[in-house]
Amino acid sequence: MNLPERTNEVTGIYANGCVEVAKEFGVSLVNLWSKMQETQGWQKKFLRLVILQSLLLIWNLEFTCYVARRYKKQKY
């Protein structure tokens, strides 16, 4: 299976494509990729944010599974 490249350059191409489509349809858009590029030290700053968000997502999934298991054990 060929997975797409997940590089900053490819992401920028995708973001610019999104901007063009939004313009074509007259839809408002916030280009987060461009804003990130303007931020000094974005590589480390935003990478930490993505890692933190991923950890929170994993914790939420684990907690949800825990609650579901506890709920399933209860008899109503």
C-alpha atoms as a PDB file:
ATOM      1  CA  MET A   1       0.000   0.000   0.000  1.00  0.00           C
ATOM      2  CA  ASN A   2       1.411   3.373  -0.985  1.00  0.00           C
ATOM      3  CA  LEU A   3       0.788   5.929   1.723  1.00  0.00           C
ATOM      4  CA  PRO A   4       0.911   9.638   0.890  1.00  0.00           C
ATOM      5  CA  GLU A   5       3.964  11.573   1.950  1.00  0.00           C
ATOM      6  CA  ARG A   6       3.384  13.446   5.174  1.00  0.00           C
ATOM      7  CA  THR A   7       5.915  16.196   4.825  1.00  0.00           C
ATOM      8  CA  ASN A   8       5.596  19.900   5.483  1.00  0.00           C
ATOM      9  CA  GLU A   9       5.933  20.557   1.752  1.00  0.00           C
ATOM     10  CA  VAL A  10       3.099  18.191   0.806  1.00  0.00           C
ATOM     11  CA  THR A  11       0.926  19.589   3.591  1.00  0.00           C
ATOM     12  CA  GLY A  12       1.514  23.087   2.206  1.00  0.00           C
ATOM     13  CA  ILE A  13       0.411  21.974  -1.261  1.00  0.00           C
ATOM     14  CA  TYR A  14      -2.745  20.471   0.247  1.00  0.00           C
ATOM     15  CA  ALA A  15      -3.411  23.625   2.308  1.00  0.00           C
ATOM     16  CA  ASN A  16      -3.032  25.826  -0.764  1.00  0.00           C
ATOM     17  CA  GLY A  17      -5.433  23.555  -2.649  1.00  0.00           C
ATOM     18  CA  CYS A  18      -7.955  24.009   0.166  1.00  0.00           C
ATOM     19  CA  VAL A  19      -7.549  27.792  -0.103  1.00  0.00           C
ATOM     20  CA  GLU A  20      -8.251  27.666  -3.851  1.00  0.00           C
ATOM     21  CA  VAL A  21     -11.366  25.511  -3.400  1.00  0.00           C
ATOM     22  CA  ALA A  22     -12.649  27.815  -0.634  1.00  0.00           C
ATOM     23  CA  LYS A  23     -12.154  30.837  -2.911  1.00  0.00           C
ATOM     24  CA  GLU A  24     -13.907  29.077  -5.774  1.00  0.00           C
ATOM     25  CA  PHE A  25     -16.966  28.361  -3.620  1.00  0.00           C
ATOM     26  CA  GLY A  26     -16.874  31.667  -1.731  1.00  0.00           C
ATOM     27  CA  VAL A  27     -16.334  29.958   1.614  1.00  0.00           C
ATOM     28  CA  SER A  28     -14.404  31.543   4.497  1.00  0.00           C
ATOM     29  CA  LEU A  29     -11.251  29.716   5.491  1.00  0.00           C
ATOM     30  CA  VAL A  30      -8.475  29.953   8.050  1.00  0.00           C
ATOM     31  CA  ASN A  31      -5.222  28.672   6.577  1.00  0.00           C
ATOM     32  CA  LEU A  32      -3.621  27.218   9.699  1.00  0.00           C
ATOM     33  CA  TRP A  33      -0.685  25.843   7.748  1.00  0.00           C
ATOM     34  CA  SER A  34       0.354  29.333   6.600  1.00  0.00           C
ATOM     35  CA  LYS A  35      -0.144  30.763  10.088  1.00  0.00           C
ATOM     36  CA  MET A  36       2.026  28.003  11.551  1.00  0.00           C
ATOM     37  CA  GLN A  37       4.783  28.751   9.029  1.00  0.00           C
ATOM     38  CA  GLU A  38       4.814  32.408  10.141  1.00  0.00           C
ATOM     39  CA  THR A  39       5.453  31.411  13.776  1.00  0.00           C
ATOM     40  CA  GLN A  40       9.100  31.296  14.774  1.00  0.00           C
ATOM     41  CA  GLY A  41      10.013  27.840  16.059  1.00  0.00           C
ATOM     42  CA  TRP A  42       6.756  26.313  14.794  1.00  0.00           C
ATOM     43  CA  GLN A  43       8.379  22.895  14.301  1.00  0.00           C
ATOM     44  CA  LYS A  44       8.888  22.355  18.025  1.00  0.00           C
ATOM     45  CA  LYS A  45       6.001  24.479  19.269  1.00  0.00           C
ATOM     46  CA  PHE A  46       3.279  22.794  17.207  1.00  0.00           C
ATOM     47  CA  LEU A  47       4.791  19.324  17.428  1.00  0.00           C
ATOM     48  CA  ARG A  48       4.412  19.481  21.210  1.00  0.00           C
ATOM     49  CA  LEU A  49       0.785  20.559  20.791  1.00  0.00           C
ATOM     50  CA  VAL A  50       0.054  17.651  18.444  1.00  0.00           C
ATOM     51  CA  ILE A  51       1.685  15.189  20.867  1.00  0.00           C
ATOM     52  CA  LEU A  52      -0.324  16.606  23.775  1.00  0.00           C
ATOM     53  CA  GLN A  53      -3.575  16.428  21.786  1.00  0.00           C
ATOM     54  CA  SER A  54      -2.788  12.835  20.798  1.00  0.00           C
ATOM     55  CA  LEU A  55      -2.165  11.868  24.421  1.00  0.00           C
ATOM     56  CA  LEU A  56      -5.423  13.506  25.480  1.00  0.00           C
ATOM     57  CA  LEU A  57      -7.293  11.664  22.730  1.00  0.00           C
ATOM     58  CA  ILE A  58      -5.807   8.346  23.844  1.00  0.00           C
ATOM     59  CA  TRP A  59      -6.716   9.101  27.472  1.00  0.00           C
ATOM     60  CA  ASN A  60     -10.279   9.983  26.436  1.00  0.00           C
ATOM     61  CA  LEU A  61     -10.621   6.742  24.477  1.00  0.00           C
ATOM     62  CA  GLU A  62      -9.264   4.687  27.369  1.00  0.00           C
ATOM     63  CA  PHE A  63     -11.585   6.436  29.835  1.00  0.00           C
ATOM     64  CA  THR A  64     -14.581   5.917  27.542  1.00  0.00           C
ATOM     65  CA  CYS A  65     -13.756   2.203  27.245  1.00  0.00           C
ATOM     66  CA  TYR A  66     -13.401   1.967  31.030  1.00  0.00           C
ATOM     67  CA  VAL A  67     -16.802   3.597  31.573  1.00  0.00           C
ATOM     68  CA  ALA A  68     -18.390   1.365  28.917  1.00  0.00           C
ATOM     69  CA  ARG A  69     -16.979  -1.772  30.562  1.00  0.00           C
ATOM     70  CA  ARG A  70     -18.235  -0.662  33.982  1.00  0.00           C
ATOM     71  CA  TYR A  71     -21.639   0.184  32.565  1.00  0.00           C
ATOM     72  CA  LYS A  72     -21.859  -3.176  30.784  1.00  0.00           C
ATOM     73  CA  LYS A  73     -21.155  -5.041  34.058  1.00  0.00           C
ATOM     74  CA  GLN A  74     -24.080  -3.349  35.815  1.00  0.00           C
ATOM     75  CA  LYS A  75     -27.432  -5.107  35.528  1.00  0.00           C
ATOM     76  CA  TYR A  76     -30.531  -2.993  35.180  1.00  0.00           C
END
